[in-house]
Amino acid sequence: KALAKARKLKCPVIVAKLDRLSRDVAFISGLMSQKVR
């Protein structure tokens, strides 16, 4: 939902620390392909 909202507003998503997204590099890589900063 956060990604969808950010795409709609053409704005970034912010997290406090990288591990709040994930500790898995493959998952992080997949998120980077979502065209959301």
Full PDB file with SEQRES, HELIX, SHEET, SSBOND, CRYST1, ORIGX, SCALE, CONECT and MASTER records, all heavy atoms in Angstrom:
SEQRES   1 A   37  LYS ALA LEU ALA LYS ALA ARG LYS LEU LYS CYS PRO VAL          
SEQRES   2 A   37  ILE VAL ALA LYS LEU ASP ARG LEU SER ARG ASP VAL ALA          
SEQRES   3 A   37  PHE ILE SER GLY LEU MET SER GLN LYS VAL ARG                  
HELIX    1 AA1 ALA A    2  LEU A    9  1                                   8    
HELIX    2 AA2 LEU A   18  ARG A   20  5                                   3    
HELIX    3 AA3 VAL A   25  MET A   32  1                                   8    
CRYST1    1.000    1.000    1.000  90.00  90.00  90.00 P 1           1          
ORIGX1      1.000000  0.000000  0.000000        0.00000                         
ORIGX2      0.000000  1.000000  0.000000        0.00000                         
ORIGX3      0.000000  0.000000  1.000000        0.00000                         
SCALE1      1.000000  0.000000  0.000000        0.00000                         
SCALE2      0.000000  1.000000  0.000000        0.00000                         
SCALE3      0.000000  0.000000  1.000000        0.00000                         
ATOM      1  N   LYS A   1       0.830  -1.213   0.000  1.00  0.00           N  
ATOM      2  CA  LYS A   1       0.000   0.000   0.000  1.00  0.00           C  
ATOM      3  C   LYS A   1       0.863   1.262   0.000  1.00  0.00           C  
ATOM      4  O   LYS A   1       0.541   2.253  -0.669  1.00  0.00           O  
ATOM      5  CB  LYS A   1      -0.933   0.002   1.208  1.00  0.00           C  
ATOM      6  CG  LYS A   1      -2.038  -1.037   1.148  1.00  0.00           C  
ATOM      7  CD  LYS A   1      -2.908  -0.980   2.395  1.00  0.00           C  
ATOM      8  CE  LYS A   1      -4.004  -2.041   2.356  1.00  0.00           C  
ATOM      9  NZ  LYS A   1      -4.839  -2.013   3.586  1.00  0.00           N  
ATOM     10  N   ALA A   2       1.966   1.216   0.760  1.00  0.00           N  
ATOM     11  CA  ALA A   2       2.874   2.369   0.793  1.00  0.00           C  
ATOM     12  C   ALA A   2       3.471   2.615  -0.584  1.00  0.00           C  
ATOM     13  O   ALA A   2       3.586   3.767  -1.032  1.00  0.00           O  
ATOM     14  CB  ALA A   2       3.979   2.133   1.826  1.00  0.00           C  
ATOM     15  N   LEU A   3       3.855   1.542  -1.280  1.00  0.00           N  
ATOM     16  CA  LEU A   3       4.398   1.678  -2.627  1.00  0.00           C  
ATOM     17  C   LEU A   3       3.360   2.262  -3.589  1.00  0.00           C  
ATOM     18  O   LEU A   3       3.677   3.144  -4.398  1.00  0.00           O  
ATOM     19  CB  LEU A   3       4.864   0.308  -3.133  1.00  0.00           C  
ATOM     20  CG  LEU A   3       6.126  -0.263  -2.500  1.00  0.00           C  
ATOM     21  CD1 LEU A   3       6.288  -1.729  -2.874  1.00  0.00           C  
ATOM     22  CD2 LEU A   3       7.347   0.524  -2.934  1.00  0.00           C  
ATOM     23  N   ALA A   4       2.126   1.772  -3.486  1.00  0.00           N  
ATOM     24  CA  ALA A   4       1.064   2.269  -4.367  1.00  0.00           C  
ATOM     25  C   ALA A   4       0.804   3.755  -4.124  1.00  0.00           C  
ATOM     26  O   ALA A   4       0.633   4.528  -5.073  1.00  0.00           O  
ATOM     27  CB  ALA A   4      -0.214   1.452  -4.141  1.00  0.00           C  
ATOM     28  N   LYS A   5       0.777   4.140  -2.855  1.00  0.00           N  
ATOM     29  CA  LYS A   5       0.551   5.553  -2.516  1.00  0.00           C  
ATOM     30  C   LYS A   5       1.687   6.417  -3.056  1.00  0.00           C  
ATOM     31  O   LYS A   5       1.449   7.501  -3.613  1.00  0.00           O  
ATOM     32  CB  LYS A   5       0.468   5.699  -0.997  1.00  0.00           C  
ATOM     33  CG  LYS A   5       0.117   7.098  -0.514  1.00  0.00           C  
ATOM     34  CD  LYS A   5      -1.344   7.408  -0.757  1.00  0.00           C  
ATOM     35  CE  LYS A   5      -1.752   8.728  -0.119  1.00  0.00           C  
ATOM     36  NZ  LYS A   5      -3.197   8.987  -0.244  1.00  0.00           N  
ATOM     37  N   ALA A   6       2.912   5.950  -2.883  1.00  0.00           N  
ATOM     38  CA  ALA A   6       4.071   6.719  -3.340  1.00  0.00           C  
ATOM     39  C   ALA A   6       4.078   6.851  -4.861  1.00  0.00           C  
ATOM     40  O   ALA A   6       4.426   7.906  -5.407  1.00  0.00           O  
ATOM     41  CB  ALA A   6       5.351   6.065  -2.843  1.00  0.00           C  
ATOM     42  N   ARG A   7       3.708   5.767  -5.561  1.00  0.00           N  
ATOM     43  CA  ARG A   7       3.652   5.842  -7.027  1.00  0.00           C  
ATOM     44  C   ARG A   7       2.607   6.847  -7.479  1.00  0.00           C  
ATOM     45  O   ARG A   7       2.817   7.614  -8.428  1.00  0.00           O  
ATOM     46  CB  ARG A   7       3.348   4.456  -7.612  1.00  0.00           C  
ATOM     47  CG  ARG A   7       4.581   3.599  -7.814  1.00  0.00           C  
ATOM     48  CD  ARG A   7       4.271   2.399  -8.703  1.00  0.00           C  
ATOM     49  NE  ARG A   7       3.359   1.485  -8.039  1.00  0.00           N  
ATOM     50  CZ  ARG A   7       3.739   0.443  -7.306  1.00  0.00           C  
ATOM     51  NH1 ARG A   7       5.032   0.201  -7.134  1.00  0.00           N  
ATOM     52  NH2 ARG A   7       2.854  -0.345  -6.738  1.00  0.00           N  
ATOM     53  N   LYS A   8       1.470   6.845  -6.791  1.00  0.00           N  
ATOM     54  CA  LYS A   8       0.393   7.770  -7.151  1.00  0.00           C  
ATOM     55  C   LYS A   8       0.822   9.218  -6.961  1.00  0.00           C  
ATOM     56  O   LYS A   8       0.529  10.084  -7.795  1.00  0.00           O  
ATOM     57  CB  LYS A   8      -0.845   7.469  -6.299  1.00  0.00           C  
ATOM     58  CG  LYS A   8      -2.034   8.364  -6.605  1.00  0.00           C  
ATOM     59  CD  LYS A   8      -3.241   7.982  -5.740  1.00  0.00           C  
ATOM     60  CE  LYS A   8      -4.435   8.880  -6.035  1.00  0.00           C  
ATOM     61  NZ  LYS A   8      -5.605   8.516  -5.197  1.00  0.00           N  
ATOM     62  N   LEU A   9       1.531   9.492  -5.865  1.00  0.00           N  
ATOM     63  CA  LEU A   9       1.963  10.859  -5.566  1.00  0.00           C  
ATOM     64  C   LEU A   9       3.323  11.195  -6.176  1.00  0.00           C  
ATOM     65  O   LEU A   9       3.776  12.333  -6.082  1.00  0.00           O  
ATOM     66  CB  LEU A   9       2.035  11.053  -4.047  1.00  0.00           C  
ATOM     67  CG  LEU A   9       0.721  10.902  -3.274  1.00  0.00           C  
ATOM     68  CD1 LEU A   9       0.963  11.058  -1.777  1.00  0.00           C  
ATOM     69  CD2 LEU A   9      -0.311  11.921  -3.752  1.00  0.00           C  
ATOM     70  N   LYS A  10       3.988  10.176  -6.746  1.00  0.00           N  
ATOM     71  CA  LYS A  10       5.333  10.348  -7.313  1.00  0.00           C  
ATOM     72  C   LYS A  10       6.291  10.902  -6.260  1.00  0.00           C  
ATOM     73  O   LYS A  10       7.011  11.878  -6.470  1.00  0.00           O  
ATOM     74  CB  LYS A  10       5.293  11.264  -8.532  1.00  0.00           C  
ATOM     75  CG  LYS A  10       4.476  10.691  -9.677  1.00  0.00           C  
ATOM     76  CD  LYS A  10       4.469  11.616 -10.885  1.00  0.00           C  
ATOM     77  CE  LYS A  10       3.644  10.990 -12.019  1.00  0.00           C  
ATOM     78  NZ  LYS A  10       3.624  11.872 -13.225  1.00  0.00           N  
ATOM     79  N   CYS A  11       6.271  10.228  -5.099  1.00  0.00           N  
ATOM     80  CA  CYS A  11       7.097  10.668  -3.981  1.00  0.00           C  
ATOM     81  C   CYS A  11       7.823   9.478  -3.370  1.00  0.00           C  
ATOM     82  O   CYS A  11       7.513   8.328  -3.690  1.00  0.00           O  
ATOM     83  CB  CYS A  11       6.238  11.376  -2.929  1.00  0.00           C  
ATOM     84  SG  CYS A  11       5.169  10.262  -1.976  1.00  0.00           S  
ATOM     85  N   PRO A  12       8.794   9.719  -2.485  1.00  0.00           N  
ATOM     86  CA  PRO A  12       9.544   8.611  -1.882  1.00  0.00           C  
ATOM     87  C   PRO A  12       8.791   7.936  -0.740  1.00  0.00           C  
ATOM     88  O   PRO A  12       7.824   8.471  -0.199  1.00  0.00           O  
ATOM     89  CB  PRO A  12      10.824   9.287  -1.359  1.00  0.00           C  
ATOM     90  CG  PRO A  12      10.735  10.730  -1.701  1.00  0.00           C  
ATOM     91  CD  PRO A  12       9.354  11.015  -2.106  1.00  0.00           C  
ATOM     92  N   VAL A  13       9.293   6.747  -0.385  1.00  0.00           N  
ATOM     93  CA  VAL A  13       8.902   6.056   0.842  1.00  0.00           C  
ATOM     94  C   VAL A  13      10.090   6.121   1.785  1.00  0.00           C  
ATOM     95  O   VAL A  13      11.223   5.861   1.381  1.00  0.00           O  
ATOM     96  CB  VAL A  13       8.531   4.585   0.571  1.00  0.00           C  
ATOM     97  CG1 VAL A  13       8.303   3.833   1.887  1.00  0.00           C  
ATOM     98  CG2 VAL A  13       7.296   4.493  -0.305  1.00  0.00           C  
ATOM     99  N   ILE A  14       9.843   6.467   3.033  1.00  0.00           N  
ATOM    100  CA  ILE A  14      10.935   6.562   4.008  1.00  0.00           C  
ATOM    101  C   ILE A  14      10.777   5.516   5.100  1.00  0.00           C  
ATOM    102  O   ILE A  14       9.661   5.233   5.557  1.00  0.00           O  
ATOM    103  CB  ILE A  14      11.016   7.975   4.634  1.00  0.00           C  
ATOM    104  CG1 ILE A  14      12.243   8.081   5.556  1.00  0.00           C  
ATOM    105  CG2 ILE A  14       9.745   8.342   5.374  1.00  0.00           C  
ATOM    106  CD1 ILE A  14      12.532   9.488   6.043  1.00  0.00           C  
ATOM    107  N   VAL A  15      11.906   4.922   5.494  1.00  0.00           N  
ATOM    108  CA  VAL A  15      11.964   4.008   6.639  1.00  0.00           C  
ATOM    109  C   VAL A  15      13.061   4.508   7.572  1.00  0.00           C  
ATOM    110  O   VAL A  15      13.966   5.236   7.152  1.00  0.00           O  
ATOM    111  CB  VAL A  15      12.255   2.563   6.203  1.00  0.00           C  
ATOM    112  CG1 VAL A  15      11.099   1.995   5.416  1.00  0.00           C  
ATOM    113  CG2 VAL A  15      13.553   2.476   5.414  1.00  0.00           C  
ATOM    114  N   ALA A  16      12.980   4.110   8.825  1.00  0.00           N  
ATOM    115  CA  ALA A  16      13.982   4.561   9.789  1.00  0.00           C  
ATOM    116  C   ALA A  16      15.327   3.891   9.551  1.00  0.00           C  
ATOM    117  O   ALA A  16      16.373   4.546   9.559  1.00  0.00           O  
ATOM    118  CB  ALA A  16      13.508   4.294  11.221  1.00  0.00           C  
ATOM    119  N   LYS A  17      15.307   2.576   9.330  1.00  0.00           N  
ATOM    120  CA  LYS A  17      16.524   1.797   9.085  1.00  0.00           C  
ATOM    121  C   LYS A  17      16.271   0.827   7.942  1.00  0.00           C  
ATOM    122  O   LYS A  17      15.132   0.439   7.685  1.00  0.00           O  
ATOM    123  CB  LYS A  17      16.937   1.022  10.344  1.00  0.00           C  
ATOM    124  CG  LYS A  17      17.446   1.900  11.490  1.00  0.00           C  
ATOM    125  CD  LYS A  17      17.854   1.051  12.682  1.00  0.00           C  
ATOM    126  CE  LYS A  17      18.469   1.890  13.790  1.00  0.00           C  
ATOM    127  NZ  LYS A  17      19.780   2.463  13.400  1.00  0.00           N  
ATOM    128  N   LEU A  18      17.358   0.431   7.275  1.00  0.00           N  
ATOM    129  CA  LEU A  18      17.215  -0.447   6.120  1.00  0.00           C  
ATOM    130  C   LEU A  18      16.578  -1.774   6.496  1.00  0.00           C  
ATOM    131  O   LEU A  18      15.805  -2.349   5.726  1.00  0.00           O  
ATOM    132  CB  LEU A  18      18.590  -0.683   5.478  1.00  0.00           C  
ATOM    133  CG  LEU A  18      18.590  -1.452   4.158  1.00  0.00           C  
ATOM    134  CD1 LEU A  18      17.757  -0.726   3.110  1.00  0.00           C  
ATOM    135  CD2 LEU A  18      20.015  -1.649   3.653  1.00  0.00           C  
ATOM    136  N   ASP A  19      16.857  -2.289   7.702  1.00  0.00           N  
ATOM    137  CA  ASP A  19      16.298  -3.590   8.081  1.00  0.00           C  
ATOM    138  C   ASP A  19      14.793  -3.536   8.317  1.00  0.00           C  
ATOM    139  O   ASP A  19      14.153  -4.565   8.470  1.00  0.00           O  
ATOM    140  CB  ASP A  19      17.018  -4.178   9.296  1.00  0.00           C  
ATOM    141  CG  ASP A  19      16.831  -3.364  10.568  1.00  0.00           C  
ATOM    142  OD1 ASP A  19      16.083  -2.362  10.553  1.00  0.00           O  
ATOM    143  OD2 ASP A  19      17.441  -3.727  11.585  1.00  0.00           O  
ATOM    144  N   ARG A  20      14.210  -2.328   8.371  1.00  0.00           N  
ATOM    145  CA  ARG A  20      12.754  -2.245   8.458  1.00  0.00           C  
ATOM    146  C   ARG A  20      12.107  -2.615   7.129  1.00  0.00           C  
ATOM    147  O   ARG A  20      10.934  -2.975   7.091  1.00  0.00           O  
ATOM    148  CB  ARG A  20      12.311  -0.840   8.897  1.00  0.00           C  
ATOM    149  CG  ARG A  20      12.707  -0.466  10.311  1.00  0.00           C  
ATOM    150  CD  ARG A  20      12.221  -1.472  11.341  1.00  0.00           C  
ATOM    151  NE  ARG A  20      13.111  -2.624  11.481  1.00  0.00           N  
ATOM    152  CZ  ARG A  20      12.762  -3.789  11.988  1.00  0.00           C  
ATOM    153  NH1 ARG A  20      11.525  -3.986  12.399  1.00  0.00           N  
ATOM    154  NH2 ARG A  20      13.623  -4.781  12.092  1.00  0.00           N  
ATOM    155  N   LEU A  21      12.878  -2.508   6.040  1.00  0.00           N  
ATOM    156  CA  LEU A  21      12.407  -3.040   4.766  1.00  0.00           C  
ATOM    157  C   LEU A  21      12.666  -4.533   4.721  1.00  0.00           C  
ATOM    158  O   LEU A  21      11.766  -5.328   4.498  1.00  0.00           O  
ATOM    159  CB  LEU A  21      13.135  -2.350   3.606  1.00  0.00           C  
ATOM    160  CG  LEU A  21      12.730  -0.908   3.301  1.00  0.00           C  
ATOM    161  CD1 LEU A  21      13.593  -0.357   2.186  1.00  0.00           C  
ATOM    162  CD2 LEU A  21      11.261  -0.810   2.924  1.00  0.00           C  
ATOM    163  N   SER A  22      13.926  -4.899   4.940  1.00  0.00           N  
ATOM    164  CA  SER A  22      14.293  -6.304   4.928  1.00  0.00           C  
ATOM    165  C   SER A  22      15.755  -6.449   5.300  1.00  0.00           C  
ATOM    166  O   SER A  22      16.524  -5.491   5.242  1.00  0.00           O  
ATOM    167  CB  SER A  22      14.055  -6.899   3.532  1.00  0.00           C  
ATOM    168  OG  SER A  22      14.488  -8.238   3.482  1.00  0.00           O  
ATOM    169  N   ARG A  23      16.137  -7.674   5.676  1.00  0.00           N  
ATOM    170  CA  ARG A  23      17.544  -8.021   5.853  1.00  0.00           C  
ATOM    171  C   ARG A  23      18.030  -8.901   4.706  1.00  0.00           C  
ATOM    172  O   ARG A  23      19.131  -9.432   4.759  1.00  0.00           O  
ATOM    173  CB  ARG A  23      17.747  -8.749   7.193  1.00  0.00           C  
ATOM    174  CG  ARG A  23      17.516  -7.878   8.414  1.00  0.00           C  
ATOM    175  CD  ARG A  23      17.873  -8.635   9.681  1.00  0.00           C  
ATOM    176  NE  ARG A  23      17.824  -7.793  10.861  1.00  0.00           N  
ATOM    177  CZ  ARG A  23      16.755  -7.643  11.621  1.00  0.00           C  
ATOM    178  NH1 ARG A  23      15.643  -8.271  11.304  1.00  0.00           N  
ATOM    179  NH2 ARG A  23      16.791  -6.876  12.690  1.00  0.00           N  
ATOM    180  N   ASP A  24      17.223  -9.043   3.671  1.00  0.00           N  
ATOM    181  CA  ASP A  24      17.541  -9.908   2.550  1.00  0.00           C  
ATOM    182  C   ASP A  24      17.846  -9.054   1.320  1.00  0.00           C  
ATOM    183  O   ASP A  24      17.016  -8.251   0.877  1.00  0.00           O  
ATOM    184  CB  ASP A  24      16.363 -10.839   2.263  1.00  0.00           C  
ATOM    185  CG  ASP A  24      16.648 -11.788   1.116  1.00  0.00           C  
ATOM    186  OD1 ASP A  24      17.347 -12.786   1.340  1.00  0.00           O  
ATOM    187  OD2 ASP A  24      16.183 -11.512  -0.004  1.00  0.00           O  
ATOM    188  N   VAL A  25      19.050  -9.231   0.758  1.00  0.00           N  
ATOM    189  CA  VAL A  25      19.480  -8.375  -0.342  1.00  0.00           C  
ATOM    190  C   VAL A  25      18.620  -8.581  -1.586  1.00  0.00           C  
ATOM    191  O   VAL A  25      18.366  -7.632  -2.341  1.00  0.00           O  
ATOM    192  CB  VAL A  25      20.978  -8.604  -0.655  1.00  0.00           C  
ATOM    193  CG1 VAL A  25      21.221  -9.987  -1.225  1.00  0.00           C  
ATOM    194  CG2 VAL A  25      21.504  -7.530  -1.596  1.00  0.00           C  
ATOM    195  N   ALA A  26      18.146  -9.805  -1.819  1.00  0.00           N  
ATOM    196  CA  ALA A  26      17.308 -10.068  -2.989  1.00  0.00           C  
ATOM    197  C   ALA A  26      15.977  -9.321  -2.882  1.00  0.00           C  
ATOM    198  O   ALA A  26      15.474  -8.777  -3.870  1.00  0.00           O  
ATOM    199  CB  ALA A  26      17.066 -11.566  -3.147  1.00  0.00           C  
ATOM    200  N   PHE A  27      15.413  -9.288  -1.675  1.00  0.00           N  
ATOM    201  CA  PHE A  27      14.161  -8.568  -1.467  1.00  0.00           C  
ATOM    202  C   PHE A  27      14.369  -7.066  -1.660  1.00  0.00           C  
ATOM    203  O   PHE A  27      13.548  -6.394  -2.302  1.00  0.00           O  
ATOM    204  CB  PHE A  27      13.629  -8.848  -0.061  1.00  0.00           C  
ATOM    205  CG  PHE A  27      12.268  -8.258   0.199  1.00  0.00           C  
ATOM    206  CD1 PHE A  27      11.141  -8.769  -0.415  1.00  0.00           C  
ATOM    207  CD2 PHE A  27      12.111  -7.185   1.055  1.00  0.00           C  
ATOM    208  CE1 PHE A  27       9.881  -8.231  -0.172  1.00  0.00           C  
ATOM    209  CE2 PHE A  27      10.867  -6.640   1.306  1.00  0.00           C  
ATOM    210  CZ  PHE A  27       9.739  -7.168   0.686  1.00  0.00           C  
ATOM    211  N   ILE A  28      15.474  -6.548  -1.116  1.00  0.00           N  
ATOM    212  CA  ILE A  28      15.801  -5.125  -1.303  1.00  0.00           C  
ATOM    213  C   ILE A  28      15.944  -4.808  -2.785  1.00  0.00           C  
ATOM    214  O   ILE A  28      15.443  -3.796  -3.281  1.00  0.00           O  
ATOM    215  CB  ILE A  28      17.102  -4.762  -0.558  1.00  0.00           C  
ATOM    216  CG1 ILE A  28      16.925  -4.902   0.959  1.00  0.00           C  
ATOM    217  CG2 ILE A  28      17.555  -3.350  -0.907  1.00  0.00           C  
ATOM    218  CD1 ILE A  28      15.997  -3.891   1.577  1.00  0.00           C  
ATOM    219  N   SER A  29      16.626  -5.689  -3.512  1.00  0.00           N  
ATOM    220  CA  SER A  29      16.815  -5.489  -4.942  1.00  0.00           C  
ATOM    221  C   SER A  29      15.473  -5.442  -5.671  1.00  0.00           C  
ATOM    222  O   SER A  29      15.264  -4.626  -6.567  1.00  0.00           O  
ATOM    223  CB  SER A  29      17.690  -6.610  -5.516  1.00  0.00           C  
ATOM    224  OG  SER A  29      17.880  -6.446  -6.895  1.00  0.00           O  
ATOM    225  N   GLY A  30      14.568  -6.327  -5.267  1.00  0.00           N  
ATOM    226  CA  GLY A  30      13.240  -6.322  -5.869  1.00  0.00           C  
ATOM    227  C   GLY A  30      12.491  -5.030  -5.603  1.00  0.00           C  
ATOM    228  O   GLY A  30      11.801  -4.507  -6.485  1.00  0.00           O  
ATOM    229  N   LEU A  31      12.631  -4.494  -4.397  1.00  0.00           N  
ATOM    230  CA  LEU A  31      11.960  -3.238  -4.067  1.00  0.00           C  
ATOM    231  C   LEU A  31      12.510  -2.085  -4.900  1.00  0.00           C  
ATOM    232  O   LEU A  31      11.778  -1.174  -5.292  1.00  0.00           O  
ATOM    233  CB  LEU A  31      12.133  -2.926  -2.577  1.00  0.00           C  
ATOM    234  CG  LEU A  31      11.372  -3.815  -1.599  1.00  0.00           C  
ATOM    235  CD1 LEU A  31      11.678  -3.402  -0.162  1.00  0.00           C  
ATOM    236  CD2 LEU A  31       9.875  -3.750  -1.850  1.00  0.00           C  
ATOM    237  N   MET A  32      13.822  -2.124  -5.184  1.00  0.00           N  
ATOM    238  CA  MET A  32      14.426  -1.048  -5.965  1.00  0.00           C  
ATOM    239  C   MET A  32      13.873  -1.018  -7.395  1.00  0.00           C  
ATOM    240  O   MET A  32      13.959   0.005  -8.072  1.00  0.00           O  
ATOM    241  CB  MET A  32      15.951  -1.219  -6.011  1.00  0.00           C  
ATOM    242  CG  MET A  32      16.654  -1.105  -4.670  1.00  0.00           C  
ATOM    243  SD  MET A  32      16.428   0.469  -3.813  1.00  0.00           S  
ATOM    244  CE  MET A  32      15.301  -0.022  -2.502  1.00  0.00           C  
ATOM    245  N   SER A  33      13.297  -2.140  -7.849  1.00  0.00           N  
ATOM    246  CA  SER A  33      12.752  -2.204  -9.204  1.00  0.00           C  
ATOM    247  C   SER A  33      11.297  -1.726  -9.266  1.00  0.00           C  
ATOM    248  O   SER A  33      10.677  -1.764 -10.337  1.00  0.00           O  
ATOM    249  CB  SER A  33      12.842  -3.637  -9.738  1.00  0.00           C  
ATOM    250  OG  SER A  33      11.962  -4.495  -9.023  1.00  0.00           O  
ATOM    251  N   GLN A  34      10.751  -1.299  -8.134  1.00  0.00           N  
ATOM    252  CA  GLN A  34       9.358  -0.867  -8.076  1.00  0.00           C  
ATOM    253  C   GLN A  34       9.150   0.556  -8.594  1.00  0.00           C  
ATOM    254  O   GLN A  34       8.038   1.070  -8.585  1.00  0.00           O  
ATOM    255  CB  GLN A  34       8.851  -0.947  -6.626  1.00  0.00           C  
ATOM    256  CG  GLN A  34       8.768  -2.360  -6.073  1.00  0.00           C  
ATOM    257  CD  GLN A  34       7.630  -3.148  -6.691  1.00  0.00           C  
ATOM    258  OE1 GLN A  34       6.572  -2.614  -6.990  1.00  0.00           O  
ATOM    259  NE2 GLN A  34       7.858  -4.439  -6.876  1.00  0.00           N  
ATOM    260  N   LYS A  35      10.252   1.204  -9.017  1.00  0.00           N  
ATOM    261  CA  LYS A  35      10.205   2.576  -9.534  1.00  0.00           C  
ATOM    262  C   LYS A  35       9.681   3.565  -8.494  1.00  0.00           C  
ATOM    263  O   LYS A  35       9.001   4.538  -8.815  1.00  0.00           O  
ATOM    264  CB  LYS A  35       9.375   2.655 -10.813  1.00  0.00           C  
ATOM    265  CG  LYS A  35       9.906   1.787 -11.943  1.00  0.00           C  
ATOM    266  CD  LYS A  35       9.151   2.015 -13.230  1.00  0.00           C  
ATOM    267  CE  LYS A  35       9.633   1.084 -14.322  1.00  0.00           C  
ATOM    268  NZ  LYS A  35      11.049   1.225 -14.632  1.00  0.00           N  
ATOM    269  N   VAL A  36       9.996   3.259  -7.240  1.00  0.00           N  
ATOM    270  CA  VAL A  36       9.689   4.172  -6.136  1.00  0.00           C  
ATOM    271  C   VAL A  36      10.988   4.412  -5.384  1.00  0.00           C  
ATOM    272  O   VAL A  36      11.720   3.471  -5.075  1.00  0.00           O  
ATOM    273  CB  VAL A  36       8.635   3.569  -5.179  1.00  0.00           C  
ATOM    274  CG1 VAL A  36       8.488   4.427  -3.923  1.00  0.00           C  
ATOM    275  CG2 VAL A  36       7.295   3.436  -5.883  1.00  0.00           C  
ATOM    276  N   ARG A  37      11.266   5.666  -5.112  1.00  0.00           N  
ATOM    277  CA  ARG A  37      12.501   5.974  -4.396  1.00  0.00           C  
ATOM    278  C   ARG A  37      12.330   5.658  -2.911  1.00  0.00           C  
ATOM    279  O   ARG A  37      11.311   5.974  -2.311  1.00  0.00           O  
ATOM    280  CB  ARG A  37      12.845   7.457  -4.556  1.00  0.00           C  
ATOM    281  CG  ARG A  37      14.151   7.840  -3.861  1.00  0.00           C  
ATOM    282  CD  ARG A  37      14.360   9.332  -3.860  1.00  0.00           C  
ATOM    283  NE  ARG A  37      15.552   9.675  -3.092  1.00  0.00           N  
ATOM    284  CZ  ARG A  37      15.774  10.872  -2.563  1.00  0.00           C  
ATOM    285  NH1 ARG A  37      14.899  11.839  -2.730  1.00  0.00           N  
ATOM    286  NH2 ARG A  37      16.872  11.104  -1.881  1.00  0.00           N  
TER     287      ARG A  37                                                      
MASTER        0    0    0    3    0    0    0    6  286    1    0    3          
END                                                                             
